[in-house]
Full PDB file with SEQRES, HELIX, SHEET, SSBOND, CRYST1, ORIGX, SCALE, CONECT and MASTER records, all heavy atoms in Angstrom:
SEQRES   1 A   41  GLN ALA GLY GLY SER LEU ARG LEU SER CYS ALA ALA SER          
SEQRES   2 A   41  GLY ARG SER PHE SER ILE TYR ALA MET GLY TRP PHE ARG          
SEQRES   3 A   41  GLN ALA PRO GLY LYS GLU ARG GLU PHE VAL ALA ALA ILE          
SEQRES   4 A   41  SER TRP                                                      
SHEET    1 AA1 2 MET A  22  ARG A  26  0                                        
SHEET    2 AA1 2 GLU A  34  ILE A  39 -1                                        
CRYST1    1.000    1.000    1.000  90.00  90.00  90.00 P 1           1          
ORIGX1      1.000000  0.000000  0.000000        0.00000                         
ORIGX2      0.000000  1.000000  0.000000        0.00000                         
ORIGX3      0.000000  0.000000  1.000000        0.00000                         
SCALE1      1.000000  0.000000  0.000000        0.00000                         
SCALE2      0.000000  1.000000  0.000000        0.00000                         
SCALE3      0.000000  0.000000  1.000000        0.00000                         
ATOM      1  N   GLN A   1     228.104  26.684-141.753  1.00  0.00           N  
ATOM      2  CA  GLN A   1     229.223  26.745-142.690  1.00  0.00           C  
ATOM      3  C   GLN A   1     229.206  25.531-143.611  1.00  0.00           C  
ATOM      4  O   GLN A   1     228.656  24.477-143.266  1.00  0.00           O  
ATOM      5  CB  GLN A   1     230.542  26.779-141.919  1.00  0.00           C  
ATOM      6  CG  GLN A   1     230.820  28.104-141.215  1.00  0.00           C  
ATOM      7  CD  GLN A   1     232.225  28.167-140.646  1.00  0.00           C  
ATOM      8  OE1 GLN A   1     232.794  27.144-140.266  1.00  0.00           O  
ATOM      9  NE2 GLN A   1     232.776  29.360-140.571  1.00  0.00           N  
ATOM     10  N   ALA A   2     229.810  25.692-144.755  1.00  0.00           N  
ATOM     11  CA  ALA A   2     229.918  24.582-145.693  1.00  0.00           C  
ATOM     12  C   ALA A   2     230.587  23.392-145.007  1.00  0.00           C  
ATOM     13  O   ALA A   2     231.546  23.550-144.255  1.00  0.00           O  
ATOM     14  CB  ALA A   2     230.717  25.004-146.917  1.00  0.00           C  
ATOM     15  N   GLY A   3     230.032  22.218-145.253  1.00  0.00           N  
ATOM     16  CA  GLY A   3     230.513  21.006-144.605  1.00  0.00           C  
ATOM     17  C   GLY A   3     229.769  20.663-143.334  1.00  0.00           C  
ATOM     18  O   GLY A   3     229.935  19.562-142.793  1.00  0.00           O  
ATOM     19  N   GLY A   4     228.967  21.594-142.860  1.00  0.00           N  
ATOM     20  CA  GLY A   4     228.223  21.381-141.628  1.00  0.00           C  
ATOM     21  C   GLY A   4     226.944  20.603-141.838  1.00  0.00           C  
ATOM     22  O   GLY A   4     226.650  20.133-142.951  1.00  0.00           O  
ATOM     23  N   SER A   5     226.178  20.469-140.753  1.00  0.00           N  
ATOM     24  CA  SER A   5     224.946  19.676-140.774  1.00  0.00           C  
ATOM     25  C   SER A   5     223.796  20.433-140.133  1.00  0.00           C  
ATOM     26  O   SER A   5     223.998  21.287-139.256  1.00  0.00           O  
ATOM     27  CB  SER A   5     225.151  18.362-140.009  1.00  0.00           C  
ATOM     28  OG  SER A   5     226.146  17.561-140.593  1.00  0.00           O  
ATOM     29  N   LEU A   6     222.612  20.105-140.586  1.00  0.00           N  
ATOM     30  CA  LEU A   6     221.381  20.591-139.968  1.00  0.00           C  
ATOM     31  C   LEU A   6     220.343  19.479-140.034  1.00  0.00           C  
ATOM     32  O   LEU A   6     220.386  18.643-140.947  1.00  0.00           O  
ATOM     33  CB  LEU A   6     220.825  21.814-140.710  1.00  0.00           C  
ATOM     34  CG  LEU A   6     221.511  23.166-140.498  1.00  0.00           C  
ATOM     35  CD1 LEU A   6     220.911  24.201-141.450  1.00  0.00           C  
ATOM     36  CD2 LEU A   6     221.390  23.634-139.066  1.00  0.00           C  
ATOM     37  N   ARG A   7     219.423  19.494-139.087  1.00  0.00           N  
ATOM     38  CA  ARG A   7     218.317  18.551-139.104  1.00  0.00           C  
ATOM     39  C   ARG A   7     217.017  19.329-139.101  1.00  0.00           C  
ATOM     40  O   ARG A   7     216.719  20.037-138.140  1.00  0.00           O  
ATOM     41  CB  ARG A   7     218.366  17.624-137.903  1.00  0.00           C  
ATOM     42  CG  ARG A   7     217.335  16.485-137.949  1.00  0.00           C  
ATOM     43  CD  ARG A   7     217.196  15.828-136.612  1.00  0.00           C  
ATOM     44  NE  ARG A   7     216.513  14.543-136.697  1.00  0.00           N  
ATOM     45  CZ  ARG A   7     215.882  13.974-135.665  1.00  0.00           C  
ATOM     46  NH1 ARG A   7     215.853  14.575-134.496  1.00  0.00           N  
ATOM     47  NH2 ARG A   7     215.301  12.792-135.808  1.00  0.00           N  
ATOM     48  N   LEU A   8     216.271  19.193-140.173  1.00  0.00           N  
ATOM     49  CA  LEU A   8     214.981  19.850-140.281  1.00  0.00           C  
ATOM     50  C   LEU A   8     213.881  18.924-139.774  1.00  0.00           C  
ATOM     51  O   LEU A   8     213.953  17.709-139.953  1.00  0.00           O  
ATOM     52  CB  LEU A   8     214.695  20.243-141.726  1.00  0.00           C  
ATOM     53  CG  LEU A   8     215.743  21.091-142.439  1.00  0.00           C  
ATOM     54  CD1 LEU A   8     215.248  21.468-143.832  1.00  0.00           C  
ATOM     55  CD2 LEU A   8     216.093  22.328-141.636  1.00  0.00           C  
ATOM     56  N   SER A   9     212.880  19.523-139.166  1.00  0.00           N  
ATOM     57  CA  SER A   9     211.707  18.782-138.714  1.00  0.00           C  
ATOM     58  C   SER A   9     210.464  19.378-139.341  1.00  0.00           C  
ATOM     59  O   SER A   9     210.405  20.586-139.587  1.00  0.00           O  
ATOM     60  CB  SER A   9     211.589  18.837-137.193  1.00  0.00           C  
ATOM     61  OG  SER A   9     212.687  18.226-136.560  1.00  0.00           O  
ATOM     62  N   CYS A  10     209.496  18.539-139.569  1.00  0.00           N  
ATOM     63  CA  CYS A  10     208.199  18.968-140.100  1.00  0.00           C  
ATOM     64  C   CYS A  10     207.137  18.325-139.217  1.00  0.00           C  
ATOM     65  O   CYS A  10     206.912  17.113-139.303  1.00  0.00           O  
ATOM     66  CB  CYS A  10     208.048  18.540-141.545  1.00  0.00           C  
ATOM     67  SG  CYS A  10     206.391  18.751-142.232  1.00  0.00           S  
ATOM     68  N   ALA A  11     206.517  19.126-138.381  1.00  0.00           N  
ATOM     69  CA  ALA A  11     205.516  18.616-137.446  1.00  0.00           C  
ATOM     70  C   ALA A  11     204.119  18.887-137.979  1.00  0.00           C  
ATOM     71  O   ALA A  11     203.796  20.017-138.377  1.00  0.00           O  
ATOM     72  CB  ALA A  11     205.687  19.277-136.092  1.00  0.00           C  
ATOM     73  N   ALA A  12     203.311  17.853-137.995  1.00  0.00           N  
ATOM     74  CA  ALA A  12     201.937  17.984-138.473  1.00  0.00           C  
ATOM     75  C   ALA A  12     200.981  18.120-137.302  1.00  0.00           C  
ATOM     76  O   ALA A  12     201.178  17.506-136.249  1.00  0.00           O  
ATOM     77  CB  ALA A  12     201.567  16.775-139.311  1.00  0.00           C  
ATOM     78  N   SER A  13     199.963  18.904-137.511  1.00  0.00           N  
ATOM     79  CA  SER A  13     198.926  19.057-136.494  1.00  0.00           C  
ATOM     80  C   SER A  13     197.575  19.182-137.173  1.00  0.00           C  
ATOM     81  O   SER A  13     197.480  19.450-138.369  1.00  0.00           O  
ATOM     82  CB  SER A  13     199.190  20.280-135.623  1.00  0.00           C  
ATOM     83  OG  SER A  13     199.170  21.459-136.392  1.00  0.00           O  
ATOM     84  N   GLY A  14     196.523  18.947-136.418  1.00  0.00           N  
ATOM     85  CA  GLY A  14     195.183  19.081-136.954  1.00  0.00           C  
ATOM     86  C   GLY A  14     194.646  17.818-137.598  1.00  0.00           C  
ATOM     87  O   GLY A  14     193.442  17.653-137.753  1.00  0.00           O  
ATOM     88  N   ARG A  15     195.534  16.955-138.023  1.00  0.00           N  
ATOM     89  CA  ARG A  15     195.157  15.667-138.584  1.00  0.00           C  
ATOM     90  C   ARG A  15     196.403  14.811-138.642  1.00  0.00           C  
ATOM     91  O   ARG A  15     197.515  15.311-138.563  1.00  0.00           O  
ATOM     92  CB  ARG A  15     194.543  15.805-139.970  1.00  0.00           C  
ATOM     93  CG  ARG A  15     195.477  16.443-140.976  1.00  0.00           C  
ATOM     94  CD  ARG A  15     194.963  16.357-142.392  1.00  0.00           C  
ATOM     95  NE  ARG A  15     195.155  15.033-142.955  1.00  0.00           N  
ATOM     96  CZ  ARG A  15     194.901  14.739-144.222  1.00  0.00           C  
ATOM     97  NH1 ARG A  15     194.416  15.658-145.023  1.00  0.00           N  
ATOM     98  NH2 ARG A  15     195.099  13.523-144.685  1.00  0.00           N  
ATOM     99  N   SER A  16     196.204  13.522-138.830  1.00  0.00           N  
ATOM    100  CA  SER A  16     197.339  12.614-138.966  1.00  0.00           C  
ATOM    101  C   SER A  16     197.711  12.471-140.435  1.00  0.00           C  
ATOM    102  O   SER A  16     196.844  12.318-141.292  1.00  0.00           O  
ATOM    103  CB  SER A  16     196.985  11.234-138.387  1.00  0.00           C  
ATOM    104  OG  SER A  16     198.025  10.319-138.655  1.00  0.00           O  
ATOM    105  N   PHE A  17     199.016  12.518-140.697  1.00  0.00           N  
ATOM    106  CA  PHE A  17     199.506  12.285-142.040  1.00  0.00           C  
ATOM    107  C   PHE A  17     200.221  10.941-142.140  1.00  0.00           C  
ATOM    108  O   PHE A  17     200.982  10.700-143.067  1.00  0.00           O  
ATOM    109  CB  PHE A  17     200.458  13.418-142.452  1.00  0.00           C  
ATOM    110  CG  PHE A  17     199.764  14.717-142.712  1.00  0.00           C  
ATOM    111  CD1 PHE A  17     199.669  15.691-141.725  1.00  0.00           C  
ATOM    112  CD2 PHE A  17     199.188  14.975-143.939  1.00  0.00           C  
ATOM    113  CE1 PHE A  17     199.016  16.885-141.956  1.00  0.00           C  
ATOM    114  CE2 PHE A  17     198.539  16.175-144.189  1.00  0.00           C  
ATOM    115  CZ  PHE A  17     198.448  17.127-143.191  1.00  0.00           C  
ATOM    116  N   SER A  18     199.960  10.070-141.193  1.00  0.00           N  
ATOM    117  CA  SER A  18     200.703   8.818-141.110  1.00  0.00           C  
ATOM    118  C   SER A  18     200.458   7.893-142.299  1.00  0.00           C  
ATOM    119  O   SER A  18     201.260   7.000-142.549  1.00  0.00           O  
ATOM    120  CB  SER A  18     200.370   8.091-139.803  1.00  0.00           C  
ATOM    121  OG  SER A  18     198.998   7.754-139.762  1.00  0.00           O  
ATOM    122  N   ILE A  19     199.366   8.090-143.043  1.00  0.00           N  
ATOM    123  CA  ILE A  19     199.106   7.206-144.177  1.00  0.00           C  
ATOM    124  C   ILE A  19     199.453   7.883-145.501  1.00  0.00           C  
ATOM    125  O   ILE A  19     199.132   7.369-146.571  1.00  0.00           O  
ATOM    126  CB  ILE A  19     197.645   6.718-144.201  1.00  0.00           C  
ATOM    127  CG1 ILE A  19     196.679   7.893-144.361  1.00  0.00           C  
ATOM    128  CG2 ILE A  19     197.319   5.908-142.947  1.00  0.00           C  
ATOM    129  CD1 ILE A  19     195.238   7.446-144.599  1.00  0.00           C  
ATOM    130  N   TYR A  20     200.134   9.026-145.424  1.00  0.00           N  
ATOM    131  CA  TYR A  20     200.480   9.778-146.624  1.00  0.00           C  
ATOM    132  C   TYR A  20     201.996   9.868-146.788  1.00  0.00           C  
ATOM    133  O   TYR A  20     202.728  10.085-145.810  1.00  0.00           O  
ATOM    134  CB  TYR A  20     199.909  11.198-146.564  1.00  0.00           C  
ATOM    135  CG  TYR A  20     198.412  11.237-146.594  1.00  0.00           C  
ATOM    136  CD1 TYR A  20     197.670  11.145-145.425  1.00  0.00           C  
ATOM    137  CD2 TYR A  20     197.726  11.355-147.805  1.00  0.00           C  
ATOM    138  CE1 TYR A  20     196.289  11.164-145.452  1.00  0.00           C  
ATOM    139  CE2 TYR A  20     196.349  11.379-147.843  1.00  0.00           C  
ATOM    140  CZ  TYR A  20     195.628  11.280-146.664  1.00  0.00           C  
ATOM    141  OH  TYR A  20     194.261  11.291-146.700  1.00  0.00           O  
ATOM    142  N   ALA A  21     202.445   9.700-148.023  1.00  0.00           N  
ATOM    143  CA  ALA A  21     203.839   9.987-148.312  1.00  0.00           C  
ATOM    144  C   ALA A  21     204.106  11.469-148.047  1.00  0.00           C  
ATOM    145  O   ALA A  21     203.200  12.301-148.139  1.00  0.00           O  
ATOM    146  CB  ALA A  21     204.168   9.644-149.758  1.00  0.00           C  
ATOM    147  N   MET A  22     205.342  11.765-147.706  1.00  0.00           N  
ATOM    148  CA  MET A  22     205.726  13.140-147.400  1.00  0.00           C  
ATOM    149  C   MET A  22     206.951  13.510-148.212  1.00  0.00           C  
ATOM    150  O   MET A  22     207.785  12.659-148.546  1.00  0.00           O  
ATOM    151  CB  MET A  22     206.042  13.293-145.907  1.00  0.00           C  
ATOM    152  CG  MET A  22     204.884  12.963-144.974  1.00  0.00           C  
ATOM    153  SD  MET A  22     203.545  14.160-145.053  1.00  0.00           S  
ATOM    154  CE  MET A  22     204.332  15.589-144.281  1.00  0.00           C  
ATOM    155  N   GLY A  23     207.064  14.789-148.511  1.00  0.00           N  
ATOM    156  CA  GLY A  23     208.203  15.247-149.293  1.00  0.00           C  
ATOM    157  C   GLY A  23     208.817  16.514-148.734  1.00  0.00           C  
ATOM    158  O   GLY A  23     208.165  17.255-147.971  1.00  0.00           O  
ATOM    159  N   TRP A  24     210.061  16.731-149.098  1.00  0.00           N  
ATOM    160  CA  TRP A  24     210.754  17.986-148.815  1.00  0.00           C  
ATOM    161  C   TRP A  24     211.098  18.646-150.150  1.00  0.00           C  
ATOM    162  O   TRP A  24     211.576  17.975-151.072  1.00  0.00           O  
ATOM    163  CB  TRP A  24     212.045  17.754-148.029  1.00  0.00           C  
ATOM    164  CG  TRP A  24     211.859  17.484-146.571  1.00  0.00           C  
ATOM    165  CD1 TRP A  24     211.807  16.262-145.963  1.00  0.00           C  
ATOM    166  CD2 TRP A  24     211.683  18.465-145.534  1.00  0.00           C  
ATOM    167  NE1 TRP A  24     211.620  16.415-144.599  1.00  0.00           N  
ATOM    168  CE2 TRP A  24     211.547  17.756-144.316  1.00  0.00           C  
ATOM    169  CE3 TRP A  24     211.642  19.856-145.500  1.00  0.00           C  
ATOM    170  CZ2 TRP A  24     211.366  18.397-143.083  1.00  0.00           C  
ATOM    171  CZ3 TRP A  24     211.465  20.495-144.287  1.00  0.00           C  
ATOM    172  CH2 TRP A  24     211.327  19.773-143.093  1.00  0.00           C  
ATOM    173  N   PHE A  25     210.859  19.939-150.220  1.00  0.00           N  
ATOM    174  CA  PHE A  25     211.181  20.728-151.401  1.00  0.00           C  
ATOM    175  C   PHE A  25     211.981  21.945-150.950  1.00  0.00           C  
ATOM    176  O   PHE A  25     211.976  22.304-149.764  1.00  0.00           O  
ATOM    177  CB  PHE A  25     209.894  21.183-152.106  1.00  0.00           C  
ATOM    178  CG  PHE A  25     209.127  20.067-152.750  1.00  0.00           C  
ATOM    179  CD1 PHE A  25     208.333  19.221-151.986  1.00  0.00           C  
ATOM    180  CD2 PHE A  25     209.195  19.846-154.113  1.00  0.00           C  
ATOM    181  CE1 PHE A  25     207.616  18.176-152.566  1.00  0.00           C  
ATOM    182  CE2 PHE A  25     208.489  18.813-154.707  1.00  0.00           C  
ATOM    183  CZ  PHE A  25     207.705  17.974-153.932  1.00  0.00           C  
ATOM    184  N   ARG A  26     212.657  22.582-151.884  1.00  0.00           N  
ATOM    185  CA  ARG A  26     213.396  23.801-151.550  1.00  0.00           C  
ATOM    186  C   ARG A  26     213.280  24.806-152.683  1.00  0.00           C  
ATOM    187  O   ARG A  26     213.082  24.435-153.842  1.00  0.00           O  
ATOM    188  CB  ARG A  26     214.864  23.491-151.255  1.00  0.00           C  
ATOM    189  CG  ARG A  26     215.667  22.966-152.434  1.00  0.00           C  
ATOM    190  CD  ARG A  26     217.053  22.556-151.973  1.00  0.00           C  
ATOM    191  NE  ARG A  26     217.853  22.023-153.070  1.00  0.00           N  
ATOM    192  CZ  ARG A  26     219.050  21.482-152.926  1.00  0.00           C  
ATOM    193  NH1 ARG A  26     219.604  21.385-151.716  1.00  0.00           N  
ATOM    194  NH2 ARG A  26     219.707  21.047-153.982  1.00  0.00           N  
ATOM    195  N   GLN A  27     213.418  26.057-152.295  1.00  0.00           N  
ATOM    196  CA  GLN A  27     213.365  27.130-153.292  1.00  0.00           C  
ATOM    197  C   GLN A  27     214.433  28.157-152.958  1.00  0.00           C  
ATOM    198  O   GLN A  27     214.389  28.779-151.888  1.00  0.00           O  
ATOM    199  CB  GLN A  27     211.983  27.778-153.343  1.00  0.00           C  
ATOM    200  CG  GLN A  27     211.835  28.781-154.459  1.00  0.00           C  
ATOM    201  CD  GLN A  27     210.392  29.169-154.707  1.00  0.00           C  
ATOM    202  OE1 GLN A  27     209.530  29.012-153.844  1.00  0.00           O  
ATOM    203  NE2 GLN A  27     210.110  29.678-155.898  1.00  0.00           N  
ATOM    204  N   ALA A  28     215.363  28.311-153.881  1.00  0.00           N  
ATOM    205  CA  ALA A  28     216.419  29.306-153.739  1.00  0.00           C  
ATOM    206  C   ALA A  28     215.958  30.612-154.377  1.00  0.00           C  
ATOM    207  O   ALA A  28     215.071  30.608-155.241  1.00  0.00           O  
ATOM    208  CB  ALA A  28     217.697  28.800-154.398  1.00  0.00           C  
ATOM    209  N   PRO A  29     216.544  31.741-153.988  1.00  0.00           N  
ATOM    210  CA  PRO A  29     216.136  33.027-154.556  1.00  0.00           C  
ATOM    211  C   PRO A  29     216.250  33.030-156.073  1.00  0.00           C  
ATOM    212  O   PRO A  29     217.274  32.635-156.633  1.00  0.00           O  
ATOM    213  CB  PRO A  29     217.130  34.010-153.922  1.00  0.00           C  
ATOM    214  CG  PRO A  29     217.531  33.358-152.646  1.00  0.00           C  
ATOM    215  CD  PRO A  29     217.563  31.888-152.935  1.00  0.00           C  
ATOM    216  N   GLY A  30     215.182  33.445-156.731  1.00  0.00           N  
ATOM    217  CA  GLY A  30     215.190  33.540-158.180  1.00  0.00           C  
ATOM    218  C   GLY A  30     215.049  32.231-158.908  1.00  0.00           C  
ATOM    219  O   GLY A  30     215.132  32.187-160.141  1.00  0.00           O  
ATOM    220  N   LYS A  31     214.819  31.151-158.170  1.00  0.00           N  
ATOM    221  CA  LYS A  31     214.693  29.834-158.799  1.00  0.00           C  
ATOM    222  C   LYS A  31     213.344  29.219-158.479  1.00  0.00           C  
ATOM    223  O   LYS A  31     212.668  29.610-157.539  1.00  0.00           O  
ATOM    224  CB  LYS A  31     215.819  28.911-158.332  1.00  0.00           C  
ATOM    225  CG  LYS A  31     217.210  29.349-158.772  1.00  0.00           C  
ATOM    226  CD  LYS A  31     218.248  28.303-158.438  1.00  0.00           C  
ATOM    227  CE  LYS A  31     219.622  28.703-158.941  1.00  0.00           C  
ATOM    228  NZ  LYS A  31     220.645  27.664-158.640  1.00  0.00           N  
ATOM    229  N   GLU A  32     212.974  28.234-159.272  1.00  0.00           N  
ATOM    230  CA  GLU A  32     211.735  27.528-159.023  1.00  0.00           C  
ATOM    231  C   GLU A  32     211.902  26.549-157.870  1.00  0.00           C  
ATOM    232  O   GLU A  32     213.001  26.108-157.550  1.00  0.00           O  
ATOM    233  CB  GLU A  32     211.301  26.775-160.286  1.00  0.00           C  
ATOM    234  CG  GLU A  32     210.919  27.689-161.444  1.00  0.00           C  
ATOM    235  CD  GLU A  32     210.375  26.915-162.622  1.00  0.00           C  
ATOM    236  OE1 GLU A  32     210.428  25.671-162.597  1.00  0.00           O  
ATOM    237  OE2 GLU A  32     209.883  27.559-163.564  1.00  0.00           O  
ATOM    238  N   ARG A  33     210.772  26.211-157.255  1.00  0.00           N  
ATOM    239  CA  ARG A  33     210.794  25.216-156.197  1.00  0.00           C  
ATOM    240  C   ARG A  33     211.229  23.876-156.795  1.00  0.00           C  
ATOM    241  O   ARG A  33     210.755  23.477-157.862  1.00  0.00           O  
ATOM    242  CB  ARG A  33     209.412  25.103-155.575  1.00  0.00           C  
ATOM    243  CG  ARG A  33     209.307  24.099-154.442  1.00  0.00           C  
ATOM    244  CD  ARG A  33     207.924  24.126-153.837  1.00  0.00           C  
ATOM    245  NE  ARG A  33     207.701  25.349-153.067  1.00  0.00           N  
ATOM    246  CZ  ARG A  33     206.561  25.637-152.458  1.00  0.00           C  
ATOM    247  NH1 ARG A  33     205.530  24.818-152.552  1.00  0.00           N  
ATOM    248  NH2 ARG A  33     206.430  26.743-151.780  1.00  0.00           N  
ATOM    249  N   GLU A  34     212.113  23.177-156.087  1.00  0.00           N  
ATOM    250  CA  GLU A  34     212.582  21.894-156.589  1.00  0.00           C  
ATOM    251  C   GLU A  34     212.435  20.814-155.529  1.00  0.00           C  
ATOM    252  O   GLU A  34     212.501  21.069-154.323  1.00  0.00           O  
ATOM    253  CB  GLU A  34     214.050  21.989-157.034  1.00  0.00           C  
ATOM    254  CG  GLU A  34     215.053  22.166-155.927  1.00  0.00           C  
ATOM    255  CD  GLU A  34     216.485  21.887-156.367  1.00  0.00           C  
ATOM    256  OE1 GLU A  34     216.696  21.304-157.451  1.00  0.00           O  
ATOM    257  OE2 GLU A  34     217.401  22.234-155.598  1.00  0.00           O  
ATOM    258  N   PHE A  35     212.242  19.622-156.016  1.00  0.00           N  
ATOM    259  CA  PHE A  35     212.126  18.448-155.168  1.00  0.00           C  
ATOM    260  C   PHE A  35     213.466  18.121-154.526  1.00  0.00           C  
ATOM    261  O   PHE A  35     214.514  18.229-155.179  1.00  0.00           O  
ATOM    262  CB  PHE A  35     211.645  17.265-156.004  1.00  0.00           C  
ATOM    263  CG  PHE A  35     211.738  15.935-155.319  1.00  0.00           C  
ATOM    264  CD1 PHE A  35     210.794  15.560-154.387  1.00  0.00           C  
ATOM    265  CD2 PHE A  35     212.772  15.067-155.620  1.00  0.00           C  
ATOM    266  CE1 PHE A  35     210.873  14.325-153.753  1.00  0.00           C  
ATOM    267  CE2 PHE A  35     212.873  13.833-154.998  1.00  0.00           C  
ATOM    268  CZ  PHE A  35     211.921  13.460-154.058  1.00  0.00           C  
ATOM    269  N   VAL A  36     213.436  17.706-153.264  1.00  0.00           N  
ATOM    270  CA  VAL A  36     214.645  17.304-152.558  1.00  0.00           C  
ATOM    271  C   VAL A  36     214.585  15.824-152.174  1.00  0.00           C  
ATOM    272  O   VAL A  36     215.484  15.053-152.506  1.00  0.00           O  
ATOM    273  CB  VAL A  36     214.859  18.145-151.281  1.00  0.00           C  
ATOM    274  CG1 VAL A  36     216.075  17.642-150.509  1.00  0.00           C  
ATOM    275  CG2 VAL A  36     215.010  19.616-151.622  1.00  0.00           C  
ATOM    276  N   ALA A  37     213.523  15.426-151.473  1.00  0.00           N  
ATOM    277  CA  ALA A  37     213.427  14.048-150.995  1.00  0.00           C  
ATOM    278  C   ALA A  37     211.979  13.713-150.686  1.00  0.00           C  
ATOM    279  O   ALA A  37     211.173  14.599-150.405  1.00  0.00           O  
ATOM    280  CB  ALA A  37     214.277  13.857-149.733  1.00  0.00           C  
ATOM    281  N   ALA A  38     211.666  12.433-150.735  1.00  0.00           N  
ATOM    282  CA  ALA A  38     210.324  11.969-150.395  1.00  0.00           C  
ATOM    283  C   ALA A  38     210.426  10.633-149.680  1.00  0.00           C  
ATOM    284  O   ALA A  38     211.392   9.888-149.860  1.00  0.00           O  
ATOM    285  CB  ALA A  38     209.458  11.845-151.640  1.00  0.00           C  
ATOM    286  N   ILE A  39     209.409  10.353-148.892  1.00  0.00           N  
ATOM    287  CA  ILE A  39     209.361   9.104-148.144  1.00  0.00           C  
ATOM    288  C   ILE A  39     207.944   8.549-148.225  1.00  0.00           C  
ATOM    289  O   ILE A  39     206.966   9.301-148.157  1.00  0.00           O  
ATOM    290  CB  ILE A  39     209.810   9.328-146.683  1.00  0.00           C  
ATOM    291  CG1 ILE A  39     209.945   8.007-145.939  1.00  0.00           C  
ATOM    292  CG2 ILE A  39     208.879  10.296-145.950  1.00  0.00           C  
ATOM    293  CD1 ILE A  39     210.701   8.140-144.613  1.00  0.00           C  
ATOM    294  N   SER A  40     207.851   7.244-148.385  1.00  0.00           N  
ATOM    295  CA  SER A  40     206.544   6.596-148.476  1.00  0.00           C  
ATOM    296  C   SER A  40     205.792   6.703-147.157  1.00  0.00           C  
ATOM    297  O   SER A  40     206.362   7.053-146.124  1.00  0.00           O  
ATOM    298  CB  SER A  40     206.716   5.130-148.864  1.00  0.00           C  
ATOM    299  OG  SER A  40     207.477   4.448-147.872  1.00  0.00           O  
ATOM    300  N   TRP A  41     204.515   6.355-147.188  1.00  0.00           N  
ATOM    301  CA  TRP A  41     203.682   6.539-146.011  1.00  0.00           C  
ATOM    302  C   TRP A  41     204.184   5.750-144.803  1.00  0.00           C  
ATOM    303  O   TRP A  41     204.037   6.202-143.663  1.00  0.00           O  
ATOM    304  CB  TRP A  41     202.227   6.145-146.319  1.00  0.00           C  
ATOM    305  CG  TRP A  41     202.022   4.661-146.484  1.00  0.00           C  
ATOM    306  CD1 TRP A  41     202.220   3.927-147.624  1.00  0.00           C  
ATOM    307  CD2 TRP A  41     201.599   3.746-145.479  1.00  0.00           C  
ATOM    308  NE1 TRP A  41     201.939   2.618-147.385  1.00  0.00           N  
ATOM    309  CE2 TRP A  41     201.546   2.458-146.073  1.00  0.00           C  
ATOM    310  CE3 TRP A  41     201.234   3.864-144.149  1.00  0.00           C  
ATOM    311  CZ2 TRP A  41     201.156   1.333-145.380  1.00  0.00           C  
ATOM    312  CZ3 TRP A  41     200.853   2.743-143.446  1.00  0.00           C  
ATOM    313  CH2 TRP A  41     200.824   1.484-144.061  1.00  0.00           C  
TER     314      TRP A  41                                                      
MASTER        0    0    0    0    2    0    0    6  313    1    0    4          
END                                                                             
């Protein structure tokens, strides 16, 4: 519901991404993918 909270996780496998910056993006129906947040390596 509006006002609530969620915690998303992104688990990597097959290789380490520890030296790479990571980002979160989102795409709503009928809209282009947009940037949400990024974090340095």
